[in-house]
Amino acid sequence: MKVAELVDRWLEWRQAVKPMSPGTAANYPRCIELKIKPALGALAVSRLDTATLDRFYTELRLRGSKCQHCYRRMRNGQQPMRPGEVFHLAFTGKERVHQTDRVQGIPMTASAIRDVHAVLSGALQQAVVWGWRTDNPARSATPPAQAKAEVAPPKPARR
Protein backbone atom coordinates (compact mmCIF):
# COMPACT_ATOMS: atom_id res chain seq x y z
CA MET A 1 0.00 0.00 0.00
CA LYS A 2 1.20 3.51 -0.84
CA VAL A 3 1.10 6.54 1.47
CA ALA A 4 -1.40 8.25 -0.86
CA GLU A 5 -3.88 5.40 -0.43
CA LEU A 6 -3.34 5.30 3.33
CA VAL A 7 -4.05 9.01 3.87
CA ASP A 8 -7.12 8.83 1.62
CA ARG A 9 -8.54 5.85 3.53
CA TRP A 10 -7.63 7.40 6.86
CA LEU A 11 -9.35 10.70 6.00
CA GLU A 12 -12.52 8.88 4.92
CA TRP A 13 -12.46 6.84 8.15
CA ARG A 14 -11.63 9.89 10.31
CA GLN A 15 -14.52 11.94 8.92
CA ALA A 16 -16.93 9.05 9.58
CA VAL A 17 -15.95 8.31 13.19
CA LYS A 18 -15.09 11.67 14.73
CA PRO A 19 -16.70 15.02 14.08
CA MET A 20 -14.28 17.66 12.77
CA SER A 21 -14.50 21.40 12.90
CA PRO A 22 -15.17 23.02 9.51
CA GLY A 23 -11.62 24.41 9.48
CA THR A 24 -10.08 20.99 10.10
CA ALA A 25 -12.40 19.38 7.55
CA ALA A 26 -11.12 21.83 4.94
CA ASN A 27 -7.48 21.80 6.06
CA TYR A 28 -6.79 18.05 6.19
CA PRO A 29 -7.66 17.35 2.52
CA ARG A 30 -5.62 20.40 1.51
CA CYS A 31 -2.59 19.11 3.46
CA ILE A 32 -3.00 15.71 1.84
CA GLU A 33 -3.38 16.94 -1.74
CA LEU A 34 -0.86 19.80 -1.73
CA LYS A 35 1.87 18.54 0.60
CA ILE A 36 1.73 14.84 1.48
CA LYS A 37 0.76 13.18 -1.81
CA PRO A 38 3.23 15.08 -4.04
CA ALA A 39 6.16 14.33 -1.74
CA LEU A 40 5.35 10.98 -0.13
CA GLY A 41 2.31 9.61 -1.95
CA ALA A 42 4.17 7.08 -4.13
CA LEU A 43 6.19 5.71 -1.21
CA ALA A 44 5.16 2.35 0.24
CA VAL A 45 3.69 2.73 3.73
CA SER A 46 6.09 0.05 4.98
CA ARG A 47 9.10 2.11 3.78
CA LEU A 48 8.11 5.33 5.53
CA ASP A 49 10.44 5.93 8.46
CA THR A 50 11.26 8.67 10.97
CA ALA A 51 14.28 9.94 8.99
CA THR A 52 12.13 10.37 5.87
CA LEU A 53 9.52 12.29 7.85
CA ASP A 54 12.17 14.53 9.43
CA ARG A 55 13.65 15.30 5.97
CA PHE A 56 10.13 16.03 4.68
CA TYR A 57 9.43 18.45 7.54
CA THR A 58 12.78 20.17 6.97
CA GLU A 59 12.01 20.59 3.27
CA LEU A 60 8.59 22.04 4.10
CA ARG A 61 10.21 24.43 6.58
CA LEU A 62 12.67 25.64 3.94
CA ARG A 63 10.42 25.83 0.88
CA GLY A 64 7.08 24.18 1.50
CA SER A 65 4.88 27.16 0.74
CA LYS A 66 4.32 29.22 -2.38
CA CYS A 67 3.99 32.92 -3.02
CA GLN A 68 0.22 33.49 -3.03
CA HIS A 69 0.43 35.91 -5.94
CA CYS A 70 2.48 33.49 -8.09
CA TYR A 71 0.22 30.61 -7.09
CA ARG A 72 -2.90 32.55 -8.10
CA ARG A 73 -1.36 33.39 -11.47
CA MET A 74 -0.24 29.81 -12.09
CA ARG A 75 -3.73 28.55 -11.18
CA ASN A 76 -5.11 30.86 -13.86
CA GLY A 77 -2.67 29.53 -16.47
CA GLN A 78 -0.30 32.50 -16.31
CA GLN A 79 3.45 32.50 -15.72
CA PRO A 80 4.66 33.10 -12.14
CA MET A 81 6.14 36.50 -11.39
CA ARG A 82 9.82 37.31 -11.68
CA PRO A 83 11.86 39.22 -9.10
CA GLY A 84 11.29 42.95 -9.52
CA GLU A 85 8.03 42.56 -11.44
CA VAL A 86 5.39 45.13 -10.46
CA PHE A 87 1.90 43.87 -9.62
CA HIS A 88 -1.30 45.21 -8.08
CA LEU A 89 -2.91 43.75 -5.00
CA ALA A 90 -6.28 42.24 -5.83
CA PHE A 91 -8.36 43.92 -3.12
CA THR A 92 -6.70 47.27 -2.55
CA GLY A 93 -5.20 47.87 -5.98
CA LYS A 94 -1.96 48.97 -4.33
CA GLU A 95 1.16 48.55 -6.40
CA ARG A 96 3.86 46.17 -5.12
CA VAL A 97 7.18 44.88 -6.39
CA HIS A 98 7.67 41.12 -6.32
CA GLN A 99 10.73 40.58 -4.15
CA THR A 100 12.11 37.14 -4.87
CA ASP A 101 11.82 34.12 -7.11
CA ARG A 102 9.25 32.29 -5.03
CA VAL A 103 8.29 29.65 -7.55
CA GLN A 104 10.74 27.29 -5.83
CA GLY A 105 8.93 27.82 -2.57
CA ILE A 106 9.14 29.94 0.52
CA PRO A 107 9.33 28.82 4.17
CA MET A 108 6.23 27.14 5.51
CA THR A 109 5.08 28.10 9.00
CA ALA A 110 5.68 25.77 11.92
CA SER A 111 1.94 25.55 12.63
CA ALA A 112 1.19 24.52 9.02
CA ILE A 113 3.85 21.81 9.21
CA ARG A 114 2.35 20.63 12.47
CA ASP A 115 -0.98 20.24 10.64
CA VAL A 116 0.74 18.03 8.05
CA HIS A 117 2.32 16.07 10.92
CA ALA A 118 -1.09 15.61 12.56
CA VAL A 119 -2.46 14.05 9.37
CA LEU A 120 0.53 11.74 8.93
CA SER A 121 0.61 10.79 12.60
CA GLY A 122 -3.10 9.98 12.65
CA ALA A 123 -2.94 8.00 9.41
CA LEU A 124 0.11 6.02 10.50
CA GLN A 125 -1.42 5.29 13.90
CA GLN A 126 -4.52 3.95 12.18
CA ALA A 127 -2.30 1.87 9.89
CA VAL A 128 -0.95 0.23 13.07
CA VAL A 129 -4.49 -0.43 14.30
CA TRP A 130 -5.47 -1.86 10.91
CA GLY A 131 -2.39 -4.14 10.97
CA TRP A 132 -0.64 -2.51 8.00
CA ARG A 133 2.38 -1.46 10.10
CA THR A 134 3.87 -2.53 13.40
CA ASP A 135 4.93 0.97 14.48
CA ASN A 136 4.14 4.64 13.93
CA PRO A 137 7.29 6.49 12.76
CA ALA A 138 5.55 9.86 13.15
CA ARG A 139 5.69 9.43 16.94
CA SER A 140 9.48 9.70 16.79
CA ALA A 141 9.59 12.38 14.08
CA THR A 142 10.33 15.97 15.00
CA PRO A 143 8.03 18.58 13.47
CA PRO A 144 9.08 22.17 14.19
CA ALA A 145 8.18 23.45 17.61
CA GLN A 146 5.43 25.98 17.91
CA ALA A 147 6.90 29.36 18.82
CA LYS A 148 5.96 30.52 22.28
CA ALA A 149 3.81 33.60 22.25
CA GLU A 150 5.34 36.50 24.08
CA VAL A 151 2.83 37.58 26.66
CA ALA A 152 3.23 40.95 28.31
CA PRO A 153 1.00 41.12 31.36
CA PRO A 154 -0.71 44.45 31.89
CA LYS A 155 0.97 46.81 34.30
CA PRO A 156 -0.97 47.54 37.46
CA ALA A 157 -2.73 50.87 37.45
CA ARG A 158 -1.26 53.47 39.81
CA ARG A 159 -3.48 55.20 42.24
C-alpha atoms as a PDB file:
ATOM      1  CA  MET A   1       0.000   0.000   0.000  1.00  0.00           C
ATOM      2  CA  LYS A   2       1.201   3.513  -0.839  1.00  0.00           C
ATOM      3  CA  VAL A   3       1.103   6.537   1.471  1.00  0.00           C
ATOM      4  CA  ALA A   4      -1.404   8.255  -0.863  1.00  0.00           C
ATOM      5  CA  GLU A   5      -3.877   5.403  -0.434  1.00  0.00           C
ATOM      6  CA  LEU A   6      -3.336   5.304   3.331  1.00  0.00           C
ATOM      7  CA  VAL A   7      -4.048   9.011   3.869  1.00  0.00           C
ATOM      8  CA  ASP A   8      -7.125   8.831   1.618  1.00  0.00           C
ATOM      9  CA  ARG A   9      -8.544   5.851   3.528  1.00  0.00           C
ATOM     10  CA  TRP A  10      -7.628   7.400   6.864  1.00  0.00           C
ATOM     11  CA  LEU A  11      -9.349  10.700   6.003  1.00  0.00           C
ATOM     12  CA  GLU A  12     -12.516   8.881   4.924  1.00  0.00           C
ATOM     13  CA  TRP A  13     -12.456   6.841   8.155  1.00  0.00           C
ATOM     14  CA  ARG A  14     -11.631   9.887  10.311  1.00  0.00           C
ATOM     15  CA  GLN A  15     -14.523  11.935   8.925  1.00  0.00           C
ATOM     16  CA  ALA A  16     -16.927   9.049   9.580  1.00  0.00           C
ATOM     17  CA  VAL A  17     -15.946   8.307  13.189  1.00  0.00           C
ATOM     18  CA  LYS A  18     -15.087  11.669  14.727  1.00  0.00           C
ATOM     19  CA  PRO A  19     -16.697  15.020  14.077  1.00  0.00           C
ATOM     20  CA  MET A  20     -14.276  17.663  12.766  1.00  0.00           C
ATOM     21  CA  SER A  21     -14.500  21.402  12.898  1.00  0.00           C
ATOM     22  CA  PRO A  22     -15.166  23.024   9.510  1.00  0.00           C
ATOM     23  CA  GLY A  23     -11.624  24.408   9.481  1.00  0.00           C
ATOM     24  CA  THR A  24     -10.085  20.988  10.099  1.00  0.00           C
ATOM     25  CA  ALA A  25     -12.399  19.376   7.553  1.00  0.00           C
ATOM     26  CA  ALA A  26     -11.119  21.834   4.941  1.00  0.00           C
ATOM     27  CA  ASN A  27      -7.478  21.805   6.063  1.00  0.00           C
ATOM     28  CA  TYR A  28      -6.794  18.051   6.194  1.00  0.00           C
ATOM     29  CA  PRO A  29      -7.661  17.351   2.520  1.00  0.00           C
ATOM     30  CA  ARG A  30      -5.620  20.402   1.505  1.00  0.00           C
ATOM     31  CA  CYS A  31      -2.587  19.113   3.458  1.00  0.00           C
ATOM     32  CA  ILE A  32      -2.996  15.708   1.845  1.00  0.00           C
ATOM     33  CA  GLU A  33      -3.381  16.936  -1.739  1.00  0.00           C
ATOM     34  CA  LEU A  34      -0.863  19.795  -1.729  1.00  0.00           C
ATOM     35  CA  LYS A  35       1.872  18.543   0.603  1.00  0.00           C
ATOM     36  CA  ILE A  36       1.725  14.842   1.480  1.00  0.00           C
ATOM     37  CA  LYS A  37       0.758  13.183  -1.806  1.00  0.00           C
ATOM     38  CA  PRO A  38       3.227  15.082  -4.040  1.00  0.00           C
ATOM     39  CA  ALA A  39       6.163  14.334  -1.737  1.00  0.00           C
ATOM     40  CA  LEU A  40       5.351  10.977  -0.126  1.00  0.00           C
ATOM     41  CA  GLY A  41       2.314   9.610  -1.951  1.00  0.00           C
ATOM     42  CA  ALA A  42       4.169   7.083  -4.127  1.00  0.00           C
ATOM     43  CA  LEU A  43       6.194   5.707  -1.207  1.00  0.00           C
ATOM     44  CA  ALA A  44       5.163   2.355   0.239  1.00  0.00           C
ATOM     45  CA  VAL A  45       3.692   2.731   3.732  1.00  0.00           C
ATOM     46  CA  SER A  46       6.091   0.052   4.977  1.00  0.00           C
ATOM     47  CA  ARG A  47       9.096   2.108   3.779  1.00  0.00           C
ATOM     48  CA  LEU A  48       8.107   5.326   5.527  1.00  0.00           C
ATOM     49  CA  ASP A  49      10.440   5.933   8.456  1.00  0.00           C
ATOM     50  CA  THR A  50      11.262   8.673  10.967  1.00  0.00           C
ATOM     51  CA  ALA A  51      14.275   9.938   8.990  1.00  0.00           C
ATOM     52  CA  THR A  52      12.129  10.370   5.869  1.00  0.00           C
ATOM     53  CA  LEU A  53       9.518  12.292   7.848  1.00  0.00           C
ATOM     54  CA  ASP A  54      12.165  14.530   9.426  1.00  0.00           C
ATOM     55  CA  ARG A  55      13.645  15.296   5.970  1.00  0.00           C
ATOM     56  CA  PHE A  56      10.134  16.026   4.682  1.00  0.00           C
ATOM     57  CA  TYR A  57       9.428  18.450   7.541  1.00  0.00           C
ATOM     58  CA  THR A  58      12.780  20.171   6.971  1.00  0.00           C
ATOM     59  CA  GLU A  59      12.013  20.588   3.272  1.00  0.00           C
ATOM     60  CA  LEU A  60       8.592  22.042   4.102  1.00  0.00           C
ATOM     61  CA  ARG A  61      10.209  24.432   6.583  1.00  0.00           C
ATOM     62  CA  LEU A  62      12.670  25.636   3.939  1.00  0.00           C
ATOM     63  CA  ARG A  63      10.418  25.830   0.877  1.00  0.00           C
ATOM     64  CA  GLY A  64       7.083  24.178   1.501  1.00  0.00           C
ATOM     65  CA  SER A  65       4.884  27.165   0.744  1.00  0.00           C
ATOM     66  CA  LYS A  66       4.319  29.220  -2.383  1.00  0.00           C
ATOM     67  CA  CYS A  67       3.990  32.924  -3.022  1.00  0.00           C
ATOM     68  CA  GLN A  68       0.223  33.488  -3.025  1.00  0.00           C
ATOM     69  CA  HIS A  69       0.433  35.910  -5.936  1.00  0.00           C
ATOM     70  CA  CYS A  70       2.481  33.493  -8.090  1.00  0.00           C
ATOM     71  CA  TYR A  71       0.222  30.612  -7.092  1.00  0.00           C
ATOM     72  CA  ARG A  72      -2.897  32.547  -8.102  1.00  0.00           C
ATOM     73  CA  ARG A  73      -1.363  33.391 -11.475  1.00  0.00           C
ATOM     74  CA  MET A  74      -0.239  29.808 -12.086  1.00  0.00           C
ATOM     75  CA  ARG A  75      -3.734  28.548 -11.185  1.00  0.00           C
ATOM     76  CA  ASN A  76      -5.110  30.861 -13.861  1.00  0.00           C
ATOM     77  CA  GLY A  77      -2.668  29.526 -16.466  1.00  0.00           C
ATOM     78  CA  GLN A  78      -0.300  32.500 -16.311  1.00  0.00           C
ATOM     79  CA  GLN A  79       3.452  32.497 -15.719  1.00  0.00           C
ATOM     80  CA  PRO A  80       4.661  33.103 -12.139  1.00  0.00           C
ATOM     81  CA  MET A  81       6.140  36.496 -11.388  1.00  0.00           C
ATOM     82  CA  ARG A  82       9.817  37.314 -11.683  1.00  0.00           C
ATOM     83  CA  PRO A  83      11.859  39.219  -9.105  1.00  0.00           C
ATOM     84  CA  GLY A  84      11.292  42.950  -9.519  1.00  0.00           C
ATOM     85  CA  GLU A  85       8.030  42.560 -11.437  1.00  0.00           C
ATOM     86  CA  VAL A  86       5.390  45.126 -10.456  1.00  0.00           C
ATOM     87  CA  PHE A  87       1.903  43.869  -9.623  1.00  0.00           C
ATOM     88  CA  HIS A  88      -1.298  45.209  -8.083  1.00  0.00           C
ATOM     89  CA  LEU A  89      -2.909  43.754  -4.999  1.00  0.00           C
ATOM     90  CA  ALA A  90      -6.284  42.239  -5.831  1.00  0.00           C
ATOM     91  CA  PHE A  91      -8.364  43.919  -3.125  1.00  0.00           C
ATOM     92  CA  THR A  92      -6.700  47.270  -2.552  1.00  0.00           C
ATOM     93  CA  GLY A  93      -5.198  47.874  -5.976  1.00  0.00           C
ATOM     94  CA  LYS A  94      -1.959  48.971  -4.330  1.00  0.00           C
ATOM     95  CA  GLU A  95       1.161  48.548  -6.399  1.00  0.00           C
ATOM     96  CA  ARG A  96       3.856  46.168  -5.121  1.00  0.00           C
ATOM     97  CA  VAL A  97       7.183  44.881  -6.386  1.00  0.00           C
ATOM     98  CA  HIS A  98       7.672  41.121  -6.322  1.00  0.00           C
ATOM     99  CA  GLN A  99      10.729  40.575  -4.146  1.00  0.00           C
ATOM    100  CA  THR A 100      12.113  37.138  -4.873  1.00  0.00           C
ATOM    101  CA  ASP A 101      11.818  34.123  -7.115  1.00  0.00           C
ATOM    102  CA  ARG A 102       9.249  32.287  -5.030  1.00  0.00           C
ATOM    103  CA  VAL A 103       8.289  29.647  -7.552  1.00  0.00           C
ATOM    104  CA  GLN A 104      10.744  27.293  -5.833  1.00  0.00           C
ATOM    105  CA  GLY A 105       8.926  27.824  -2.571  1.00  0.00           C
ATOM    106  CA  ILE A 106       9.142  29.943   0.522  1.00  0.00           C
ATOM    107  CA  PRO A 107       9.328  28.824   4.166  1.00  0.00           C
ATOM    108  CA  MET A 108       6.233  27.139   5.511  1.00  0.00           C
ATOM    109  CA  THR A 109       5.085  28.101   8.996  1.00  0.00           C
ATOM    110  CA  ALA A 110       5.675  25.768  11.918  1.00  0.00           C
ATOM    111  CA  SER A 111       1.942  25.545  12.633  1.00  0.00           C
ATOM    112  CA  ALA A 112       1.195  24.522   9.024  1.00  0.00           C
ATOM    113  CA  ILE A 113       3.855  21.811   9.207  1.00  0.00           C
ATOM    114  CA  ARG A 114       2.354  20.627  12.472  1.00  0.00           C
ATOM    115  CA  ASP A 115      -0.984  20.244  10.642  1.00  0.00           C
ATOM    116  CA  VAL A 116       0.743  18.031   8.055  1.00  0.00           C
ATOM    117  CA  HIS A 117       2.325  16.069  10.917  1.00  0.00           C
ATOM    118  CA  ALA A 118      -1.091  15.612  12.559  1.00  0.00           C
ATOM    119  CA  VAL A 119      -2.464  14.050   9.369  1.00  0.00           C
ATOM    120  CA  LEU A 120       0.532  11.739   8.929  1.00  0.00           C
ATOM    121  CA  SER A 121       0.609  10.786  12.597  1.00  0.00           C
ATOM    122  CA  GLY A 122      -3.099   9.976  12.647  1.00  0.00           C
ATOM    123  CA  ALA A 123      -2.941   8.005   9.407  1.00  0.00           C
ATOM    124  CA  LEU A 124       0.106   6.022  10.505  1.00  0.00           C
ATOM    125  CA  GLN A 125      -1.424   5.292  13.903  1.00  0.00           C
ATOM    126  CA  GLN A 126      -4.522   3.955  12.182  1.00  0.00           C
ATOM    127  CA  ALA A 127      -2.295   1.868   9.893  1.00  0.00           C
ATOM    128  CA  VAL A 128      -0.947   0.229  13.067  1.00  0.00           C
ATOM    129  CA  VAL A 129      -4.492  -0.425  14.302  1.00  0.00           C
ATOM    130  CA  TRP A 130      -5.466  -1.864  10.913  1.00  0.00           C
ATOM    131  CA  GLY A 131      -2.393  -4.138  10.971  1.00  0.00           C
ATOM    132  CA  TRP A 132      -0.640  -2.512   8.001  1.00  0.00           C
ATOM    133  CA  ARG A 133       2.378  -1.462  10.099  1.00  0.00           C
ATOM    134  CA  THR A 134       3.870  -2.531  13.399  1.00  0.00           C
ATOM    135  CA  ASP A 135       4.927   0.970  14.476  1.00  0.00           C
ATOM    136  CA  ASN A 136       4.139   4.640  13.934  1.00  0.00           C
ATOM    137  CA  PRO A 137       7.288   6.486  12.762  1.00  0.00           C
ATOM    138  CA  ALA A 138       5.549   9.855  13.154  1.00  0.00           C
ATOM    139  CA  ARG A 139       5.688   9.429  16.942  1.00  0.00           C
ATOM    140  CA  SER A 140       9.479   9.704  16.793  1.00  0.00           C
ATOM    141  CA  ALA A 141       9.589  12.378  14.081  1.00  0.00           C
ATOM    142  CA  THR A 142      10.331  15.967  15.003  1.00  0.00           C
ATOM    143  CA  PRO A 143       8.030  18.584  13.473  1.00  0.00           C
ATOM    144  CA  PRO A 144       9.080  22.174  14.189  1.00  0.00           C
ATOM    145  CA  ALA A 145       8.183  23.455  17.614  1.00  0.00           C
ATOM    146  CA  GLN A 146       5.429  25.980  17.913  1.00  0.00           C
ATOM    147  CA  ALA A 147       6.897  29.359  18.819  1.00  0.00           C
ATOM    148  CA  LYS A 148       5.955  30.516  22.285  1.00  0.00           C
ATOM    149  CA  ALA A 149       3.810  33.603  22.251  1.00  0.00           C
ATOM    150  CA  GLU A 150       5.342  36.499  24.084  1.00  0.00           C
ATOM    151  CA  VAL A 151       2.830  37.584  26.659  1.00  0.00           C
ATOM    152  CA  ALA A 152       3.227  40.949  28.314  1.00  0.00           C
ATOM    153  CA  PRO A 153       1.001  41.117  31.363  1.00  0.00           C
ATOM    154  CA  PRO A 154      -0.709  44.446  31.890  1.00  0.00           C
ATOM    155  CA  LYS A 155       0.966  46.812  34.304  1.00  0.00           C
ATOM    156  CA  PRO A 156      -0.972  47.541  37.461  1.00  0.00           C
ATOM    157  CA  ALA A 157      -2.730  50.867  37.454  1.00  0.00           C
ATOM    158  CA  ARG A 158      -1.258  53.467  39.814  1.00  0.00           C
ATOM    159  CA  ARG A 159      -3.482  55.200  42.242  1.00  0.00           C
END
